[in-house]
Amino acid sequence: MQATSKRMSTETMVLGGLLTALVVVLQFMGTFIHLGPFSISLVLIPIVIGAAACGVGVSTWLGLVFGMVVLLNGDAAAFLAVDALGTLFTVLGKGMACGLAAGLTYRALAGAKPQLAVLAAAIVCPVANTGVFLLGCKLFFMDIVAAMAQSFGFTGSLGHYMLFVMAGGNFLFELTTNIILAPLVVRLLKIRKLQK
């Protein structure tokens, strides 16, 4: 019995390491793909996969790595110039929140309906990511949000700008890709395990 749990621990560490590398690569690649003023986050897919295959700890770690790469690749440079502490809170917080939310959601639902659990985690992950980002903008960056809205010629309220211009397209893209790809990859990983 102990050999099985040790093997599972090794599998979790290896898969967690592979997913960590995938998060780094996808986030750096995502820097070149923009919807609106921000790059899209393809890394949410491996975060959901980590939640389903490895658990809450790994998915939260993957979210933290996502946040660290966002800070390193320059995506947060405009925000860092305004408020470094607010940027750290927002960027690392949104990454960890999406990983934690995906992991807890999967764990809560996996016992009864594993496929529904993956789908729910795939939905919750971008909701948490975008929600914490918008909260961080509201708390720390309303001046820069106003300047961005003005530079784009947006004449509506800042709330509408934040929801529909800053986050809208990215959120819909992230949600759609997560809903389609995360359950598919998790299912393929489980089928692969059964074939061994």
C-alpha atoms as a PDB file:
ATOM      1  CA  MET A   1       0.000   0.000   0.000  1.00  0.00           C
ATOM      2  CA  GLN A   2       2.804   2.402   0.823  1.00  0.00           C
ATOM      3  CA  ALA A   3       4.457   1.797  -2.555  1.00  0.00           C
ATOM      4  CA  THR A   4       1.220   2.861  -4.309  1.00  0.00           C
ATOM      5  CA  SER A   5       0.946   6.131  -2.388  1.00  0.00           C
ATOM      6  CA  LYS A   6       4.658   6.821  -2.976  1.00  0.00           C
ATOM      7  CA  ARG A   7       4.180   6.152  -6.697  1.00  0.00           C
ATOM      8  CA  MET A   8       1.184   8.477  -6.797  1.00  0.00           C
ATOM      9  CA  SER A   9       3.207  11.147  -5.048  1.00  0.00           C
ATOM     10  CA  THR A  10       5.966  10.786  -7.633  1.00  0.00           C
ATOM     11  CA  GLU A  11       3.425  10.929 -10.480  1.00  0.00           C
ATOM     12  CA  THR A  12       1.901  14.051  -8.970  1.00  0.00           C
ATOM     13  CA  MET A  13       5.308  15.708  -8.653  1.00  0.00           C
ATOM     14  CA  VAL A  14       6.272  14.822 -12.212  1.00  0.00           C
ATOM     15  CA  LEU A  15       2.962  15.964 -13.684  1.00  0.00           C
ATOM     16  CA  GLY A  16       3.094  19.102 -11.517  1.00  0.00           C
ATOM     17  CA  GLY A  17       6.582  19.837 -12.859  1.00  0.00           C
ATOM     18  CA  LEU A  18       5.470  19.320 -16.453  1.00  0.00           C
ATOM     19  CA  LEU A  19       2.446  21.540 -15.936  1.00  0.00           C
ATOM     20  CA  THR A  20       4.662  24.199 -14.329  1.00  0.00           C
ATOM     21  CA  ALA A  21       6.878  24.224 -17.417  1.00  0.00           C
ATOM     22  CA  LEU A  22       3.787  24.374 -19.626  1.00  0.00           C
ATOM     23  CA  VAL A  23       2.441  27.363 -17.663  1.00  0.00           C
ATOM     24  CA  VAL A  24       5.724  29.223 -18.167  1.00  0.00           C
ATOM     25  CA  VAL A  25       5.904  28.467 -21.898  1.00  0.00           C
ATOM     26  CA  LEU A  26       2.226  29.243 -22.562  1.00  0.00           C
ATOM     27  CA  GLN A  27       2.351  32.519 -20.659  1.00  0.00           C
ATOM     28  CA  PHE A  28       5.442  33.707 -22.495  1.00  0.00           C
ATOM     29  CA  MET A  29       3.822  32.688 -25.809  1.00  0.00           C
ATOM     30  CA  GLY A  30       0.566  34.371 -24.771  1.00  0.00           C
ATOM     31  CA  THR A  31       2.443  37.653 -24.516  1.00  0.00           C
ATOM     32  CA  PHE A  32       2.324  37.819 -28.310  1.00  0.00           C
ATOM     33  CA  ILE A  33      -1.441  37.145 -28.580  1.00  0.00           C
ATOM     34  CA  HIS A  34      -3.628  40.073 -27.563  1.00  0.00           C
ATOM     35  CA  LEU A  35      -7.351  40.696 -27.351  1.00  0.00           C
ATOM     36  CA  GLY A  36      -7.701  44.355 -26.518  1.00  0.00           C
ATOM     37  CA  PRO A  37      -4.873  45.858 -24.485  1.00  0.00           C
ATOM     38  CA  PHE A  38      -3.984  42.639 -22.622  1.00  0.00           C
ATOM     39  CA  SER A  39      -2.541  39.292 -23.617  1.00  0.00           C
ATOM     40  CA  ILE A  40      -4.718  36.223 -23.311  1.00  0.00           C
ATOM     41  CA  SER A  41      -4.067  33.601 -20.662  1.00  0.00           C
ATOM     42  CA  LEU A  42      -3.764  30.153 -22.184  1.00  0.00           C
ATOM     43  CA  VAL A  43      -2.227  29.024 -18.892  1.00  0.00           C
ATOM     44  CA  LEU A  44      -5.622  28.569 -17.302  1.00  0.00           C
ATOM     45  CA  ILE A  45      -5.961  25.227 -19.096  1.00  0.00           C
ATOM     46  CA  PRO A  46      -2.952  23.577 -17.381  1.00  0.00           C
ATOM     47  CA  ILE A  47      -4.098  25.091 -14.089  1.00  0.00           C
ATOM     48  CA  VAL A  48      -7.435  23.271 -14.410  1.00  0.00           C
ATOM     49  CA  ILE A  49      -5.627  20.102 -15.501  1.00  0.00           C
ATOM     50  CA  GLY A  50      -3.435  20.425 -12.405  1.00  0.00           C
ATOM     51  CA  ALA A  51      -6.520  20.826 -10.216  1.00  0.00           C
ATOM     52  CA  ALA A  52      -8.071  17.642 -11.606  1.00  0.00           C
ATOM     53  CA  ALA A  53      -4.954  15.503 -11.856  1.00  0.00           C
ATOM     54  CA  CYS A  54      -2.853  16.704  -8.907  1.00  0.00           C
ATOM     55  CA  GLY A  55      -5.059  18.571  -6.429  1.00  0.00           C
ATOM     56  CA  VAL A  56      -5.528  21.971  -4.838  1.00  0.00           C
ATOM     57  CA  GLY A  57      -1.900  22.473  -3.811  1.00  0.00           C
ATOM     58  CA  VAL A  58      -0.556  21.971  -7.318  1.00  0.00           C
ATOM     59  CA  SER A  59      -3.256  24.085  -8.979  1.00  0.00           C
ATOM     60  CA  THR A  60      -2.584  26.936  -6.525  1.00  0.00           C
ATOM     61  CA  TRP A  61       1.162  26.601  -7.218  1.00  0.00           C
ATOM     62  CA  LEU A  62       0.494  26.730 -10.959  1.00  0.00           C
ATOM     63  CA  GLY A  63      -1.535  29.903 -10.440  1.00  0.00           C
ATOM     64  CA  LEU A  64       1.344  31.450  -8.492  1.00  0.00           C
ATOM     65  CA  VAL A  65       3.782  30.543 -11.289  1.00  0.00           C
ATOM     66  CA  PHE A  66       1.359  32.120 -13.781  1.00  0.00           C
ATOM     67  CA  GLY A  67       1.404  35.336 -11.749  1.00  0.00           C
ATOM     68  CA  MET A  68       5.187  35.343 -11.459  1.00  0.00           C
ATOM     69  CA  VAL A  69       5.594  34.935 -15.224  1.00  0.00           C
ATOM     70  CA  VAL A  70       3.143  37.801 -15.855  1.00  0.00           C
ATOM     71  CA  LEU A  71       5.360  39.978 -13.662  1.00  0.00           C
ATOM     72  CA  LEU A  72       8.523  38.829 -15.445  1.00  0.00           C
ATOM     73  CA  ASN A  73       7.335  39.058 -19.059  1.00  0.00           C
ATOM     74  CA  GLY A  74       6.387  42.728 -18.921  1.00  0.00           C
ATOM     75  CA  ASP A  75       2.601  42.347 -19.139  1.00  0.00           C
ATOM     76  CA  ALA A  76       2.247  44.202 -15.837  1.00  0.00           C
ATOM     77  CA  ALA A  77       4.840  46.922 -16.541  1.00  0.00           C
ATOM     78  CA  ALA A  78       2.340  49.770 -16.835  1.00  0.00           C
ATOM     79  CA  PHE A  79       0.773  48.791 -13.524  1.00  0.00           C
ATOM     80  CA  LEU A  80       4.134  48.295 -11.778  1.00  0.00           C
ATOM     81  CA  ALA A  81       5.066  51.871 -12.634  1.00  0.00           C
ATOM     82  CA  VAL A  82       1.957  53.161 -10.851  1.00  0.00           C
ATOM     83  CA  ASP A  83       1.808  50.927  -7.755  1.00  0.00           C
ATOM     84  CA  ALA A  84       4.282  48.078  -7.311  1.00  0.00           C
ATOM     85  CA  LEU A  85       2.627  46.625  -4.199  1.00  0.00           C
ATOM     86  CA  GLY A  86      -0.839  46.832  -5.773  1.00  0.00           C
ATOM     87  CA  THR A  87       0.521  45.117  -8.879  1.00  0.00           C
ATOM     88  CA  LEU A  88       2.050  42.301  -6.837  1.00  0.00           C
ATOM     89  CA  PHE A  89      -1.203  41.831  -4.922  1.00  0.00           C
ATOM     90  CA  THR A  90      -3.301  41.867  -8.075  1.00  0.00           C
ATOM     91  CA  VAL A  91      -1.129  39.752 -10.360  1.00  0.00           C
ATOM     92  CA  LEU A  92      -0.040  37.130  -7.843  1.00  0.00           C
ATOM     93  CA  GLY A  93      -3.476  37.201  -6.195  1.00  0.00           C
ATOM     94  CA  LYS A  94      -5.366  36.562  -9.419  1.00  0.00           C
ATOM     95  CA  GLY A  95      -3.066  33.698 -10.333  1.00  0.00           C
ATOM     96  CA  MET A  96      -3.306  32.014  -6.957  1.00  0.00           C
ATOM     97  CA  ALA A  97      -7.049  32.663  -6.740  1.00  0.00           C
ATOM     98  CA  CYS A  98      -7.768  31.000 -10.077  1.00  0.00           C
ATOM     99  CA  GLY A  99      -5.669  27.957  -9.131  1.00  0.00           C
ATOM    100  CA  LEU A 100      -7.200  27.702  -5.674  1.00  0.00           C
ATOM    101  CA  ALA A 101     -10.751  28.153  -6.963  1.00  0.00           C
ATOM    102  CA  ALA A 102     -10.261  25.532  -9.674  1.00  0.00           C
ATOM    103  CA  GLY A 103      -8.747  23.079  -7.201  1.00  0.00           C
ATOM    104  CA  LEU A 104     -11.433  23.536  -4.544  1.00  0.00           C
ATOM    105  CA  THR A 105     -14.217  23.357  -7.115  1.00  0.00           C
ATOM    106  CA  TYR A 106     -12.857  20.152  -8.609  1.00  0.00           C
ATOM    107  CA  ARG A 107     -12.351  18.576  -5.185  1.00  0.00           C
ATOM    108  CA  ALA A 108     -15.875  19.485  -4.062  1.00  0.00           C
ATOM    109  CA  LEU A 109     -17.540  17.917  -7.109  1.00  0.00           C
ATOM    110  CA  ALA A 110     -15.172  15.120  -8.164  1.00  0.00           C
ATOM    111  CA  GLY A 111     -16.634  12.426  -5.919  1.00  0.00           C
ATOM    112  CA  ALA A 112     -20.078  12.468  -7.521  1.00  0.00           C
ATOM    113  CA  LYS A 113     -19.414  13.619 -11.082  1.00  0.00           C
ATOM    114  CA  PRO A 114     -15.756  13.904 -12.157  1.00  0.00           C
ATOM    115  CA  GLN A 115     -16.552  15.240 -15.642  1.00  0.00           C
ATOM    116  CA  LEU A 116     -18.858  17.890 -14.186  1.00  0.00           C
ATOM    117  CA  ALA A 117     -16.120  18.729 -11.672  1.00  0.00           C
ATOM    118  CA  VAL A 118     -13.623  19.425 -14.478  1.00  0.00           C
ATOM    119  CA  LEU A 119     -16.158  21.539 -16.356  1.00  0.00           C
ATOM    120  CA  ALA A 120     -17.013  23.528 -13.207  1.00  0.00           C
ATOM    121  CA  ALA A 121     -13.300  24.067 -12.465  1.00  0.00           C
ATOM    122  CA  ALA A 122     -12.805  25.190 -16.083  1.00  0.00           C
ATOM    123  CA  ILE A 123     -15.526  27.823 -15.559  1.00  0.00           C
ATOM    124  CA  VAL A 124     -14.459  28.979 -12.090  1.00  0.00           C
ATOM    125  CA  CYS A 125     -10.792  29.411 -13.041  1.00  0.00           C
ATOM    126  CA  PRO A 126     -11.209  32.316 -15.525  1.00  0.00           C
ATOM    127  CA  VAL A 127     -13.974  33.834 -13.366  1.00  0.00           C
ATOM    128  CA  ALA A 128     -11.558  34.033 -10.411  1.00  0.00           C
ATOM    129  CA  ASN A 129      -8.698  35.263 -12.618  1.00  0.00           C
ATOM    130  CA  THR A 130     -10.759  38.061 -14.161  1.00  0.00           C
ATOM    131  CA  GLY A 131     -12.603  38.872 -10.924  1.00  0.00           C
ATOM    132  CA  VAL A 132      -9.425  39.441  -8.923  1.00  0.00           C
ATOM    133  CA  PHE A 133      -7.919  41.423 -11.815  1.00  0.00           C
ATOM    134  CA  LEU A 134     -10.959  43.737 -11.890  1.00  0.00           C
ATOM    135  CA  LEU A 135     -10.926  44.060  -8.105  1.00  0.00           C
ATOM    136  CA  GLY A 136      -7.229  44.977  -8.220  1.00  0.00           C
ATOM    137  CA  CYS A 137      -7.934  47.578 -10.904  1.00  0.00           C
ATOM    138  CA  LYS A 138     -10.713  49.046  -8.761  1.00  0.00           C
ATOM    139  CA  LEU A 139      -8.568  49.156  -5.622  1.00  0.00           C
ATOM    140  CA  PHE A 140      -5.232  50.298  -7.038  1.00  0.00           C
ATOM    141  CA  PHE A 141      -5.386  51.472 -10.635  1.00  0.00           C
ATOM    142  CA  MET A 142      -8.436  53.600 -11.407  1.00  0.00           C
ATOM    143  CA  ASP A 143      -6.224  56.461 -12.613  1.00  0.00           C
ATOM    144  CA  ILE A 144      -4.453  54.255 -15.158  1.00  0.00           C
ATOM    145  CA  VAL A 145      -7.790  52.660 -16.171  1.00  0.00           C
ATOM    146  CA  ALA A 146      -9.203  56.156 -16.800  1.00  0.00           C
ATOM    147  CA  ALA A 147      -6.137  57.086 -18.866  1.00  0.00           C
ATOM    148  CA  MET A 148      -6.427  53.883 -20.911  1.00  0.00           C
ATOM    149  CA  ALA A 149     -10.135  54.472 -21.536  1.00  0.00           C
ATOM    150  CA  GLN A 150      -9.415  58.021 -22.652  1.00  0.00           C
ATOM    151  CA  SER A 151      -6.578  56.927 -24.952  1.00  0.00           C
ATOM    152  CA  PHE A 152      -8.941  54.472 -26.669  1.00  0.00           C
ATOM    153  CA  GLY A 153     -11.594  57.188 -27.034  1.00  0.00           C
ATOM    154  CA  PHE A 154     -14.028  55.342 -24.752  1.00  0.00           C
ATOM    155  CA  THR A 155     -16.775  57.703 -23.628  1.00  0.00           C
ATOM    156  CA  GLY A 156     -18.815  55.433 -21.329  1.00  0.00           C
ATOM    157  CA  SER A 157     -18.340  54.791 -17.625  1.00  0.00           C
ATOM    158  CA  LEU A 158     -15.101  53.330 -16.294  1.00  0.00           C
ATOM    159  CA  GLY A 159     -17.051  50.310 -15.015  1.00  0.00           C
ATOM    160  CA  HIS A 160     -18.243  49.557 -18.537  1.00  0.00           C
ATOM    161  CA  TYR A 161     -14.732  50.051 -19.883  1.00  0.00           C
ATOM    162  CA  MET A 162     -13.297  47.638 -17.320  1.00  0.00           C
ATOM    163  CA  LEU A 163     -15.928  44.963 -17.971  1.00  0.00           C
ATOM    164  CA  PHE A 164     -16.355  45.187 -21.711  1.00  0.00           C
ATOM    165  CA  VAL A 165     -13.044  46.501 -23.064  1.00  0.00           C
ATOM    166  CA  MET A 166     -10.341  45.500 -20.572  1.00  0.00           C
ATOM    167  CA  ALA A 167     -11.733  42.127 -19.505  1.00  0.00           C
ATOM    168  CA  GLY A 168     -14.594  41.201 -21.828  1.00  0.00           C
ATOM    169  CA  GLY A 169     -12.890  39.716 -24.876  1.00  0.00           C
ATOM    170  CA  ASN A 170     -10.093  38.082 -22.890  1.00  0.00           C
ATOM    171  CA  PHE A 171     -12.529  36.586 -20.409  1.00  0.00           C
ATOM    172  CA  LEU A 172     -14.759  35.111 -23.114  1.00  0.00           C
ATOM    173  CA  PHE A 173     -11.761  33.656 -24.956  1.00  0.00           C
ATOM    174  CA  GLU A 174     -10.296  32.173 -21.754  1.00  0.00           C
ATOM    175  CA  LEU A 175     -13.662  30.779 -20.658  1.00  0.00           C
ATOM    176  CA  THR A 176     -14.376  29.198 -24.042  1.00  0.00           C
ATOM    177  CA  THR A 177     -10.939  27.617 -24.448  1.00  0.00           C
ATOM    178  CA  ASN A 178     -11.021  26.342 -20.868  1.00  0.00           C
ATOM    179  CA  ILE A 179     -14.475  24.795 -21.260  1.00  0.00           C
ATOM    180  CA  ILE A 180     -13.465  23.046 -24.487  1.00  0.00           C
ATOM    181  CA  LEU A 181      -9.851  22.007 -23.867  1.00  0.00           C
ATOM    182  CA  ALA A 182      -9.461  21.373 -20.117  1.00  0.00           C
ATOM    183  CA  PRO A 183     -12.089  18.578 -19.873  1.00  0.00           C
ATOM    184  CA  LEU A 184     -10.766  17.002 -23.072  1.00  0.00           C
ATOM    185  CA  VAL A 185      -7.153  16.893 -21.852  1.00  0.00           C
ATOM    186  CA  VAL A 186      -8.151  15.629 -18.390  1.00  0.00           C
ATOM    187  CA  ARG A 187     -10.189  12.876 -20.004  1.00  0.00           C
ATOM    188  CA  LEU A 188      -7.259  11.883 -22.243  1.00  0.00           C
ATOM    189  CA  LEU A 189      -4.912  11.788 -19.230  1.00  0.00           C
ATOM    190  CA  LYS A 190      -7.300   9.479 -17.363  1.00  0.00           C
ATOM    191  CA  ILE A 191      -7.763   7.181 -20.379  1.00  0.00           C
ATOM    192  CA  ARG A 192      -3.973   7.013 -20.742  1.00  0.00           C
ATOM    193  CA  LYS A 193      -3.626   5.974 -17.081  1.00  0.00           C
ATOM    194  CA  LEU A 194      -6.193   3.200 -17.567  1.00  0.00           C
ATOM    195  CA  GLN A 195      -4.322   1.816 -20.576  1.00  0.00           C
ATOM    196  CA  LYS A 196      -1.069   1.237 -18.645  1.00  0.00           C
END
